[in-house]
C-alpha atoms as a PDB file:
ATOM      1  CA  MET A   1       5.461  -3.676  20.954  1.00  0.00           C
ATOM      2  CA  SER A   2       4.962  -7.226  19.745  1.00  0.00           C
ATOM      3  CA  GLY A   3       2.357  -5.951  17.271  1.00  0.00           C
ATOM      4  CA  GLU A   4       4.806  -3.340  15.970  1.00  0.00           C
ATOM      5  CA  ARG A   5       7.547  -5.943  15.564  1.00  0.00           C
ATOM      6  CA  SER A   6       5.127  -8.238  13.736  1.00  0.00           C
ATOM      7  CA  ALA A   7       4.132  -5.417  11.383  1.00  0.00           C
ATOM      8  CA  LYS A   8       7.787  -4.646  10.668  1.00  0.00           C
ATOM      9  CA  ARG A   9       8.483  -8.301   9.932  1.00  0.00           C
ATOM     10  CA  THR A  10       5.548  -8.329   7.513  1.00  0.00           C
ATOM     11  CA  VAL A  11       6.861  -5.259   5.689  1.00  0.00           C
ATOM     12  CA  ARG A  12      10.407  -6.665   5.596  1.00  0.00           C
ATOM     13  CA  ARG A  13       9.217  -9.994   4.189  1.00  0.00           C
ATOM     14  CA  ALA A  14       7.025  -8.318   1.571  1.00  0.00           C
ATOM     15  CA  PHE A  15       9.806  -6.126   0.197  1.00  0.00           C
ATOM     16  CA  SER A  16      12.390  -8.886   0.467  1.00  0.00           C
ATOM     17  CA  ARG A  17      10.216 -11.131  -1.719  1.00  0.00           C
ATOM     18  CA  ALA A  18       9.582  -8.275  -4.150  1.00  0.00           C
ATOM     19  CA  ALA A  19      13.242  -7.266  -4.560  1.00  0.00           C
ATOM     20  CA  PRO A  20      14.210  -9.480  -7.576  1.00  0.00           C
ATOM     21  CA  ASP A  21      11.427  -8.070  -9.809  1.00  0.00           C
ATOM     22  CA  TYR A  22      10.760  -4.782  -8.001  1.00  0.00           C
ATOM     23  CA  ASP A  23      12.106  -2.449 -10.678  1.00  0.00           C
ATOM     24  CA  ARG A  24       9.904  -4.086 -13.307  1.00  0.00           C
ATOM     25  CA  HIS A  25       6.712  -3.438 -11.333  1.00  0.00           C
ATOM     26  CA  ALA A  26       7.467  -0.201  -9.435  1.00  0.00           C
ATOM     27  CA  VAL A  27       6.285   2.143 -12.208  1.00  0.00           C
ATOM     28  CA  LEU A  28       4.311   4.402  -9.871  1.00  0.00           C
ATOM     29  CA  GLN A  29       7.134   4.486  -7.332  1.00  0.00           C
ATOM     30  CA  ARG A  30       9.634   5.613  -9.983  1.00  0.00           C
ATOM     31  CA  GLU A  31       7.293   8.308 -11.287  1.00  0.00           C
ATOM     32  CA  VAL A  32       6.636   9.667  -7.793  1.00  0.00           C
ATOM     33  CA  GLY A  33      10.374   9.541  -7.097  1.00  0.00           C
ATOM     34  CA  THR A  34      11.041  11.652 -10.190  1.00  0.00           C
ATOM     35  CA  ARG A  35       8.438  14.198  -9.099  1.00  0.00           C
ATOM     36  CA  LEU A  36       9.861  14.252  -5.575  1.00  0.00           C
ATOM     37  CA  LEU A  37      13.362  14.930  -6.902  1.00  0.00           C
ATOM     38  CA  GLU A  38      11.984  17.887  -8.870  1.00  0.00           C
ATOM     39  CA  HIS A  39      11.062  19.488  -5.538  1.00  0.00           C
ATOM     40  CA  LEU A  40      14.806  19.982  -5.040  1.00  0.00           C
ATOM     41  CA  ASP A  41      15.130  22.171  -8.161  1.00  0.00           C
ATOM     42  CA  PRO A  42      14.457  25.535  -6.435  1.00  0.00           C
ATOM     43  CA  ILE A  43      16.246  24.583  -3.196  1.00  0.00           C
ATOM     44  CA  ARG A  44      19.880  25.607  -2.817  1.00  0.00           C
ATOM     45  CA  ILE A  45      21.707  23.311  -0.403  1.00  0.00           C
ATOM     46  CA  ALA A  46      25.115  21.635  -0.440  1.00  0.00           C
ATOM     47  CA  PRO A  47      24.930  18.694   1.969  1.00  0.00           C
ATOM     48  CA  SER A  48      28.175  16.980   2.906  1.00  0.00           C
ATOM     49  CA  ARG A  49      26.171  13.811   3.592  1.00  0.00           C
ATOM     50  CA  LEU A  50      22.741  12.850   2.277  1.00  0.00           C
ATOM     51  CA  VAL A  51      20.600   9.882   3.225  1.00  0.00           C
ATOM     52  CA  ASP A  52      18.148   8.026   0.978  1.00  0.00           C
ATOM     53  CA  LEU A  53      15.776   6.601   3.572  1.00  0.00           C
ATOM     54  CA  GLY A  54      13.935   3.539   2.267  1.00  0.00           C
ATOM     55  CA  CYS A  55      16.218   3.534  -0.765  1.00  0.00           C
ATOM     56  CA  GLY A  56      14.903   0.229  -2.139  1.00  0.00           C
ATOM     57  CA  THR A  57      16.935  -0.816  -5.179  1.00  0.00           C
ATOM     58  CA  GLY A  58      18.689   2.555  -5.349  1.00  0.00           C
ATOM     59  CA  ALA A  59      16.599   4.060  -8.150  1.00  0.00           C
ATOM     60  CA  ALA A  60      17.273   7.612  -6.917  1.00  0.00           C
ATOM     61  CA  PHE A  61      21.019   7.212  -6.382  1.00  0.00           C
ATOM     62  CA  ALA A  62      22.122   8.424  -9.828  1.00  0.00           C
ATOM     63  CA  ASP A  63      19.996  11.572  -9.695  1.00  0.00           C
ATOM     64  CA  LEU A  64      21.023  12.380  -6.120  1.00  0.00           C
ATOM     65  CA  ARG A  65      24.708  11.945  -7.044  1.00  0.00           C
ATOM     66  CA  LYS A  66      24.247  14.201 -10.080  1.00  0.00           C
ATOM     67  CA  ARG A  67      22.689  16.920  -7.944  1.00  0.00           C
ATOM     68  CA  TYR A  68      25.178  16.638  -5.093  1.00  0.00           C
ATOM     69  CA  PRO A  69      28.408  15.162  -6.524  1.00  0.00           C
ATOM     70  CA  ASP A  70      30.492  16.083  -3.467  1.00  0.00           C
ATOM     71  CA  ALA A  71      28.101  14.589  -0.904  1.00  0.00           C
ATOM     72  CA  ARG A  72      28.577  11.218   0.758  1.00  0.00           C
ATOM     73  CA  LEU A  73      25.511   9.153  -0.088  1.00  0.00           C
ATOM     74  CA  VAL A  74      23.992   6.719   2.417  1.00  0.00           C
ATOM     75  CA  GLY A  75      21.214   4.304   1.422  1.00  0.00           C
ATOM     76  CA  ILE A  76      19.098   2.711   4.147  1.00  0.00           C
ATOM     77  CA  ASP A  77      16.404   0.072   3.739  1.00  0.00           C
ATOM     78  CA  LEU A  78      14.640  -2.416   5.997  1.00  0.00           C
ATOM     79  CA  ALA A  79      14.919  -5.278   3.480  1.00  0.00           C
ATOM     80  CA  LEU A  80      18.389  -6.671   2.832  1.00  0.00           C
ATOM     81  CA  PRO A  81      17.513  -8.069  -0.644  1.00  0.00           C
ATOM     82  CA  MET A  82      16.585  -4.534  -1.701  1.00  0.00           C
ATOM     83  CA  LEU A  83      20.069  -3.366  -0.725  1.00  0.00           C
ATOM     84  CA  ASP A  84      21.578  -6.295  -2.614  1.00  0.00           C
ATOM     85  CA  ALA A  85      19.725  -5.086  -5.706  1.00  0.00           C
ATOM     86  CA  ALA A  86      20.942  -1.526  -5.071  1.00  0.00           C
ATOM     87  CA  ARG A  87      24.520  -2.789  -4.857  1.00  0.00           C
ATOM     88  CA  ALA A  88      24.114  -4.774  -8.084  1.00  0.00           C
ATOM     89  CA  ARG A  89      22.853  -1.619  -9.831  1.00  0.00           C
ATOM     90  CA  ASN A  90      26.346  -0.171  -9.328  1.00  0.00           C
ATOM     91  CA  PRO A  91      28.918  -2.967  -9.971  1.00  0.00           C
ATOM     92  CA  TRP A  92      32.314  -3.027  -8.258  1.00  0.00           C
ATOM     93  CA  TRP A  93      34.268  -1.735 -11.259  1.00  0.00           C
ATOM     94  CA  ARG A  94      32.019   1.315 -11.515  1.00  0.00           C
ATOM     95  CA  ARG A  95      32.294   1.916  -7.787  1.00  0.00           C
ATOM     96  CA  ALA A  96      36.080   1.733  -8.094  1.00  0.00           C
ATOM     97  CA  LEU A  97      36.121   4.288 -10.929  1.00  0.00           C
ATOM     98  CA  GLN A  98      33.686   6.675  -9.241  1.00  0.00           C
ATOM     99  CA  GLY A  99      35.258   6.406  -5.818  1.00  0.00           C
ATOM    100  CA  ASN A 100      32.058   7.606  -4.140  1.00  0.00           C
ATOM    101  CA  ALA A 101      29.946   4.473  -3.817  1.00  0.00           C
ATOM    102  CA  ALA A 102      26.848   4.729  -1.680  1.00  0.00           C
ATOM    103  CA  GLN A 103      27.217   3.359   1.820  1.00  0.00           C
ATOM    104  CA  LEU A 104      24.379   0.890   2.409  1.00  0.00           C
ATOM    105  CA  ALA A 105      22.830  -0.102   5.733  1.00  0.00           C
ATOM    106  CA  CYS A 106      19.974  -2.469   6.528  1.00  0.00           C
ATOM    107  CA  ALA A 107      18.058  -0.691   9.271  1.00  0.00           C
ATOM    108  CA  ASP A 108      14.702   0.531  10.554  1.00  0.00           C
ATOM    109  CA  ALA A 109      13.881   4.149   9.692  1.00  0.00           C
ATOM    110  CA  GLU A 110      12.639   4.578  13.260  1.00  0.00           C
ATOM    111  CA  ARG A 111      16.058   3.566  14.679  1.00  0.00           C
ATOM    112  CA  LEU A 112      18.768   4.841  12.386  1.00  0.00           C
ATOM    113  CA  PRO A 113      22.387   3.692  12.807  1.00  0.00           C
ATOM    114  CA  LEU A 114      23.644   7.232  12.173  1.00  0.00           C
ATOM    115  CA  ALA A 115      25.269   9.831  14.395  1.00  0.00           C
ATOM    116  CA  SER A 116      23.298  12.858  15.508  1.00  0.00           C
ATOM    117  CA  GLY A 117      23.656  15.892  13.266  1.00  0.00           C
ATOM    118  CA  CYS A 118      25.584  13.994  10.567  1.00  0.00           C
ATOM    119  CA  ALA A 119      23.425  14.717   7.482  1.00  0.00           C
ATOM    120  CA  GLY A 120      22.375  17.767   5.522  1.00  0.00           C
ATOM    121  CA  LEU A 121      19.573  16.091   3.529  1.00  0.00           C
ATOM    122  CA  LEU A 122      17.226  13.176   4.199  1.00  0.00           C
ATOM    123  CA  PHE A 123      15.352  12.039   1.078  1.00  0.00           C
ATOM    124  CA  SER A 124      12.573   9.435   1.333  1.00  0.00           C
ATOM    125  CA  ASN A 125      10.303   8.264  -1.474  1.00  0.00           C
ATOM    126  CA  LEU A 126       7.137   6.291  -0.589  1.00  0.00           C
ATOM    127  CA  MET A 127       8.507   4.694   2.568  1.00  0.00           C
ATOM    128  CA  LEU A 128       6.873   6.650   5.381  1.00  0.00           C
ATOM    129  CA  GLN A 129       3.477   4.923   5.042  1.00  0.00           C
ATOM    130  CA  TRP A 130       4.916   1.650   6.354  1.00  0.00           C
ATOM    131  CA  CYS A 131       6.256   3.299   9.541  1.00  0.00           C
ATOM    132  CA  ASP A 132       5.179   5.404  12.509  1.00  0.00           C
ATOM    133  CA  PRO A 133       5.621   8.901  11.005  1.00  0.00           C
ATOM    134  CA  SER A 134       6.241  10.562  14.381  1.00  0.00           C
ATOM    135  CA  ALA A 135       9.054   8.109  15.154  1.00  0.00           C
ATOM    136  CA  VAL A 136      10.626   8.608  11.720  1.00  0.00           C
ATOM    137  CA  PHE A 137      10.438  12.392  12.024  1.00  0.00           C
ATOM    138  CA  ALA A 138      12.032  12.271  15.481  1.00  0.00           C
ATOM    139  CA  GLU A 139      14.941  10.214  14.104  1.00  0.00           C
ATOM    140  CA  ALA A 140      15.230  12.488  11.079  1.00  0.00           C
ATOM    141  CA  ALA A 141      15.437  15.509  13.382  1.00  0.00           C
ATOM    142  CA  ARG A 142      18.167  13.778  15.396  1.00  0.00           C
ATOM    143  CA  VAL A 143      20.243  12.799  12.365  1.00  0.00           C
ATOM    144  CA  LEU A 144      19.949  16.098  10.489  1.00  0.00           C
ATOM    145  CA  GLU A 145      22.216  19.014  11.272  1.00  0.00           C
ATOM    146  CA  THR A 146      20.557  22.293  12.208  1.00  0.00           C
ATOM    147  CA  GLY A 147      19.270  23.782   8.961  1.00  0.00           C
ATOM    148  CA  GLY A 148      19.200  20.352   7.269  1.00  0.00           C
ATOM    149  CA  LEU A 149      16.330  19.382   4.988  1.00  0.00           C
ATOM    150  CA  LEU A 150      13.873  16.475   5.162  1.00  0.00           C
ATOM    151  CA  LEU A 151      12.111  15.766   1.850  1.00  0.00           C
ATOM    152  CA  PHE A 152       9.634  12.910   1.521  1.00  0.00           C
ATOM    153  CA  SER A 153       6.651  11.461  -0.297  1.00  0.00           C
ATOM    154  CA  THR A 154       4.026   9.127   1.102  1.00  0.00           C
ATOM    155  CA  TYR A 155       0.493   7.879   0.472  1.00  0.00           C
ATOM    156  CA  GLY A 156      -2.513   9.857   1.693  1.00  0.00           C
ATOM    157  CA  PRO A 157      -5.887   8.567   2.993  1.00  0.00           C
ATOM    158  CA  ASP A 158      -7.591   8.372  -0.417  1.00  0.00           C
ATOM    159  CA  THR A 159      -5.039   5.876  -1.718  1.00  0.00           C
ATOM    160  CA  LEU A 160      -6.771   2.758  -3.121  1.00  0.00           C
ATOM    161  CA  MET A 161     -10.140   4.253  -2.201  1.00  0.00           C
ATOM    162  CA  GLU A 162     -11.965   2.104  -4.779  1.00  0.00           C
ATOM    163  CA  LEU A 163     -10.487  -1.057  -3.291  1.00  0.00           C
ATOM    164  CA  ARG A 164     -11.202   0.124   0.237  1.00  0.00           C
ATOM    165  CA  ALA A 165     -14.870   0.814  -0.576  1.00  0.00           C
ATOM    166  CA  ALA A 166     -15.288  -2.528  -2.343  1.00  0.00           C
ATOM    167  CA  PHE A 167     -13.946  -4.423   0.672  1.00  0.00           C
ATOM    168  CA  ALA A 168     -15.828  -2.371   3.269  1.00  0.00           C
ATOM    169  CA  GLU A 169     -19.239  -3.850   2.503  1.00  0.00           C
ATOM    170  CA  GLU A 170     -17.877  -7.322   3.232  1.00  0.00           C
ATOM    171  CA  GLY A 171     -16.889  -6.268   6.718  1.00  0.00           C
ATOM    172  CA  ALA A 172     -13.343  -7.284   5.823  1.00  0.00           C
ATOM    173  CA  ARG A 173     -10.278  -5.730   7.387  1.00  0.00           C
ATOM    174  CA  HIS A 174      -9.788  -2.473   5.569  1.00  0.00           C
ATOM    175  CA  VAL A 175      -6.979  -1.644   3.222  1.00  0.00           C
ATOM    176  CA  HIS A 176      -3.947  -0.180   5.032  1.00  0.00           C
ATOM    177  CA  SER A 177      -4.762   3.237   6.541  1.00  0.00           C
ATOM    178  CA  PHE A 178      -2.691   6.233   5.475  1.00  0.00           C
ATOM    179  CA  VAL A 179      -2.083   9.457   7.425  1.00  0.00           C
ATOM    180  CA  ASP A 180      -3.576  12.807   6.374  1.00  0.00           C
ATOM    181  CA  MET A 181      -1.060  15.421   5.244  1.00  0.00           C
ATOM    182  CA  HIS A 182      -2.220  17.945   7.867  1.00  0.00           C
ATOM    183  CA  ASP A 183      -1.438  15.433  10.614  1.00  0.00           C
ATOM    184  CA  LEU A 184       1.971  14.864   9.032  1.00  0.00           C
ATOM    185  CA  GLY A 185       2.611  18.609   9.105  1.00  0.00           C
ATOM    186  CA  ASP A 186       1.719  18.736  12.804  1.00  0.00           C
ATOM    187  CA  ALA A 187       4.016  15.769  13.489  1.00  0.00           C
ATOM    188  CA  LEU A 188       6.898  17.535  11.728  1.00  0.00           C
ATOM    189  CA  VAL A 189       6.538  20.587  13.946  1.00  0.00           C
ATOM    190  CA  ALA A 190       6.292  18.405  17.062  1.00  0.00           C
ATOM    191  CA  ALA A 191       9.536  16.672  16.052  1.00  0.00           C
ATOM    192  CA  GLY A 192      11.429  19.957  15.825  1.00  0.00           C
ATOM    193  CA  PHE A 193      11.076  20.933  12.167  1.00  0.00           C
ATOM    194  CA  ALA A 194      10.319  24.445  10.951  1.00  0.00           C
ATOM    195  CA  ASP A 195       8.279  25.761   8.036  1.00  0.00           C
ATOM    196  CA  PRO A 196       6.791  22.449   6.833  1.00  0.00           C
ATOM    197  CA  VAL A 197       5.419  22.560   3.296  1.00  0.00           C
ATOM    198  CA  MET A 198       2.842  19.928   2.358  1.00  0.00           C
ATOM    199  CA  GLU A 199       1.417  19.253  -1.107  1.00  0.00           C
ATOM    200  CA  MET A 200      -0.936  16.622  -2.482  1.00  0.00           C
ATOM    201  CA  GLU A 201      -1.897  15.244  -5.867  1.00  0.00           C
ATOM    202  CA  LYS A 202      -3.941  12.279  -7.041  1.00  0.00           C
ATOM    203  CA  VAL A 203      -2.614   9.793  -9.568  1.00  0.00           C
ATOM    204  CA  THR A 204      -4.785   7.170 -11.242  1.00  0.00           C
ATOM    205  CA  VAL A 205      -3.303   3.903 -12.447  1.00  0.00           C
ATOM    206  CA  GLU A 206      -5.441   1.696 -14.696  1.00  0.00           C
ATOM    207  CA  TYR A 207      -5.651  -2.108 -14.582  1.00  0.00           C
ATOM    208  CA  ALA A 208      -7.389  -4.717 -16.665  1.00  0.00           C
ATOM    209  CA  SER A 209      -8.766  -6.443 -13.555  1.00  0.00           C
ATOM    210  CA  VAL A 210      -8.771  -6.402  -9.756  1.00  0.00           C
ATOM    211  CA  GLU A 211      -6.526  -9.458  -9.845  1.00  0.00           C
ATOM    212  CA  ALA A 212      -3.989  -7.506 -11.923  1.00  0.00           C
ATOM    213  CA  LEU A 213      -4.045  -4.711  -9.332  1.00  0.00           C
ATOM    214  CA  ALA A 214      -3.530  -7.161  -6.467  1.00  0.00           C
ATOM    215  CA  LYS A 215      -0.691  -8.856  -8.333  1.00  0.00           C
ATOM    216  CA  ASP A 216       1.002  -5.521  -9.013  1.00  0.00           C
ATOM    217  CA  LEU A 217       0.733  -4.455  -5.364  1.00  0.00           C
ATOM    218  CA  ARG A 218       2.336  -7.670  -4.188  1.00  0.00           C
ATOM    219  CA  ALA A 219       5.047  -7.564  -6.865  1.00  0.00           C
ATOM    220  CA  ALA A 220       5.982  -4.037  -5.738  1.00  0.00           C
ATOM    221  CA  GLY A 221       6.115  -5.136  -2.094  1.00  0.00           C
ATOM    222  CA  GLU A 222       2.875  -3.397  -1.194  1.00  0.00           C
ATOM    223  CA  GLY A 223       0.691  -6.448  -0.713  1.00  0.00           C
ATOM    224  CA  ASN A 224       0.525  -5.485   2.974  1.00  0.00           C
ATOM    225  CA  ALA A 225      -1.873  -2.745   1.866  1.00  0.00           C
ATOM    226  CA  LEU A 226      -4.394  -5.506   1.140  1.00  0.00           C
ATOM    227  CA  PRO A 227      -6.525  -7.510   3.539  1.00  0.00           C
ATOM    228  CA  ALA A 228      -5.430 -11.098   4.028  1.00  0.00           C
ATOM    229  CA  ARG A 229      -6.116 -13.254   0.983  1.00  0.00           C
ATOM    230  CA  PRO A 230      -9.420 -15.113   1.500  1.00  0.00           C
ATOM    231  CA  ARG A 231      -9.291 -18.788   2.462  1.00  0.00           C
ATOM    232  CA  GLY A 232     -11.994 -21.385   2.060  1.00  0.00           C
ATOM    233  CA  LEU A 233     -15.259 -21.210   0.133  1.00  0.00           C
ATOM    234  CA  GLY A 234     -16.657 -18.344   2.214  1.00  0.00           C
ATOM    235  CA  GLY A 235     -13.536 -16.264   1.733  1.00  0.00           C
ATOM    236  CA  ARG A 236     -13.496 -16.824  -2.014  1.00  0.00           C
ATOM    237  CA  GLU A 237     -17.156 -15.863  -2.205  1.00  0.00           C
ATOM    238  CA  ARG A 238     -16.460 -12.575  -0.358  1.00  0.00           C
ATOM    239  CA  TRP A 239     -13.604 -11.896  -2.752  1.00  0.00           C
ATOM    240  CA  ARG A 240     -15.927 -12.514  -5.727  1.00  0.00           C
ATOM    241  CA  ARG A 241     -18.511 -10.059  -4.364  1.00  0.00           C
ATOM    242  CA  MET A 242     -15.785  -7.473  -3.737  1.00  0.00           C
ATOM    243  CA  VAL A 243     -14.605  -7.835  -7.336  1.00  0.00           C
ATOM    244  CA  GLU A 244     -18.158  -7.325  -8.586  1.00  0.00           C
ATOM    245  CA  ARG A 245     -18.438  -4.068  -6.621  1.00  0.00           C
ATOM    246  CA  TYR A 246     -15.059  -2.873  -7.864  1.00  0.00           C
ATOM    247  CA  GLU A 247     -16.194  -3.563 -11.436  1.00  0.00           C
ATOM    248  CA  GLY A 248     -18.689  -0.729 -10.980  1.00  0.00           C
ATOM    249  CA  HIS A 249     -15.737   1.659 -11.390  1.00  0.00           C
ATOM    250  CA  ARG A 250     -14.755   0.250 -14.783  1.00  0.00           C
ATOM    251  CA  ARG A 251     -14.066   2.777 -17.511  1.00  0.00           C
ATOM    252  CA  GLY A 252     -14.152   0.948 -20.797  1.00  0.00           C
ATOM    253  CA  ASP A 253     -11.394  -1.664 -20.677  1.00  0.00           C
ATOM    254  CA  ALA A 254      -9.764  -0.357 -17.486  1.00  0.00           C
ATOM    255  CA  LEU A 255     -10.332  -0.306 -13.746  1.00  0.00           C
ATOM    256  CA  PRO A 256      -8.956   2.771 -11.944  1.00  0.00           C
ATOM    257  CA  ALA A 257      -6.797   2.611  -8.823  1.00  0.00           C
ATOM    258  CA  THR A 258      -6.449   6.016  -7.176  1.00  0.00           C
ATOM    259  CA  TYR A 259      -3.314   7.000  -5.277  1.00  0.00           C
ATOM    260  CA  GLU A 260      -3.200  10.121  -3.136  1.00  0.00           C
ATOM    261  CA  ILE A 261       0.419  11.237  -3.149  1.00  0.00           C
ATOM    262  CA  VAL A 262       1.595  13.546  -0.374  1.00  0.00           C
ATOM    263  CA  TYR A 263       4.842  15.486  -0.699  1.00  0.00           C
ATOM    264  CA  GLY A 264       6.421  17.210   2.267  1.00  0.00           C
ATOM    265  CA  HIS A 265       9.570  19.052   3.191  1.00  0.00           C
ATOM    266  CA  ALA A 266      10.752  20.869   6.291  1.00  0.00           C
ATOM    267  CA  TRP A 267      13.946  22.256   7.805  1.00  0.00           C
ATOM    268  CA  LYS A 268      15.582  21.089  11.018  1.00  0.00           C
ATOM    269  CA  ALA A 269      15.109  23.990  13.421  1.00  0.00           C
ATOM    270  CA  ALA A 270      17.658  25.081  16.007  1.00  0.00           C
ATOM    271  CA  PRO A 271      16.931  23.373  19.348  1.00  0.00           C
ATOM    272  CA  ARG A 272      14.884  25.352  21.852  1.00  0.00           C
ATOM    273  CA  ARG A 273      15.909  23.310  24.898  1.00  0.00           C
ATOM    274  CA  VAL A 274      19.080  21.654  26.135  1.00  0.00           C
ATOM    275  CA  ALA A 275      19.241  17.991  27.147  1.00  0.00           C
ATOM    276  CA  ASP A 276      18.151  18.634  30.767  1.00  0.00           C
ATOM    277  CA  GLY A 277      15.026  20.494  29.628  1.00  0.00           C
ATOM    278  CA  ARG A 278      16.180  24.071  30.164  1.00  0.00           C
ATOM    279  CA  ALA A 279      15.026  26.519  27.505  1.00  0.00           C
ATOM    280  CA  ILE A 280      17.528  28.176  25.180  1.00  0.00           C
ATOM    281  CA  VAL A 281      17.075  31.952  25.033  1.00  0.00           C
ATOM    282  CA  ASP A 282      18.776  34.062  22.386  1.00  0.00           C
ATOM    283  CA  PHE A 283      20.129  37.423  23.521  1.00  0.00           C
ATOM    284  CA  HIS A 284      20.788  40.134  20.980  1.00  0.00           C
ATOM    285  CA  PRO A 285      22.716  43.232  22.073  1.00  0.00           C
ATOM    286  CA  ARG A 286      20.850  46.493  21.824  1.00  0.00           C
ATOM    287  CA  ARG A 287      22.164  48.977  19.353  1.00  0.00           C
ATOM    288  CA  ALA A 288      23.479  52.227  20.700  1.00  0.00           C
ATOM    289  CA  PRO A 289      21.089  55.121  20.104  1.00  0.00           C
END
């Protein structure tokens, strides 16, 4: 447990530091968020309450409000400075005119301060990778009403594969590990979701140097995907050798950084057991001959 708490503190600190300049650096996050929102186009739902889980600076709020103008919007993030930025995105006079300001809560996605069955939609863009997916899915299943929808994006195992390979030969602690989409699908079913749909695509972002990549990761709050910054002469020498290996991927003036993006959605299934463990059996009357 102490290791989990330490990891959460690291994530919170990283995104808290990133909050003031996050929107300027989170180009990939915004693009993935736009693609994730497009997954809602063919889905017909009318949630009375929707939750943006890991809402960051509230980049998705406007689009979610446009899609579901009658829904109460809740934004949840682990880092309070991110929520401050989300609040600043929608000043008080605009909130007063709209009358439907997002309710914001600083909380852990694995322990949501929400009542059971209170939401019709949980939306989460590139947050799941910093959590225990099984714990998040269990909380999502608790918070969603029966028939509610969970829609999310996250990083897959091939994310930053060039950086991972370059570090591996140094025996350094690997880049953050990301969960395979098939395992995520299994975890959704185990948490009580039905008909999970998983998709994957790879996106390549180009950088002028490895240092520019590292700077961008930290500025977007994702520096915890990197091994600890080297200290001392030996550490700097390992970093130099890693950079040399990464340079082998150079394409003209650019170094590629691959991101495996996983999209998933699933519906909260009706419970099959009551609280004391007894199974729920549906009886359907037989039709008269």
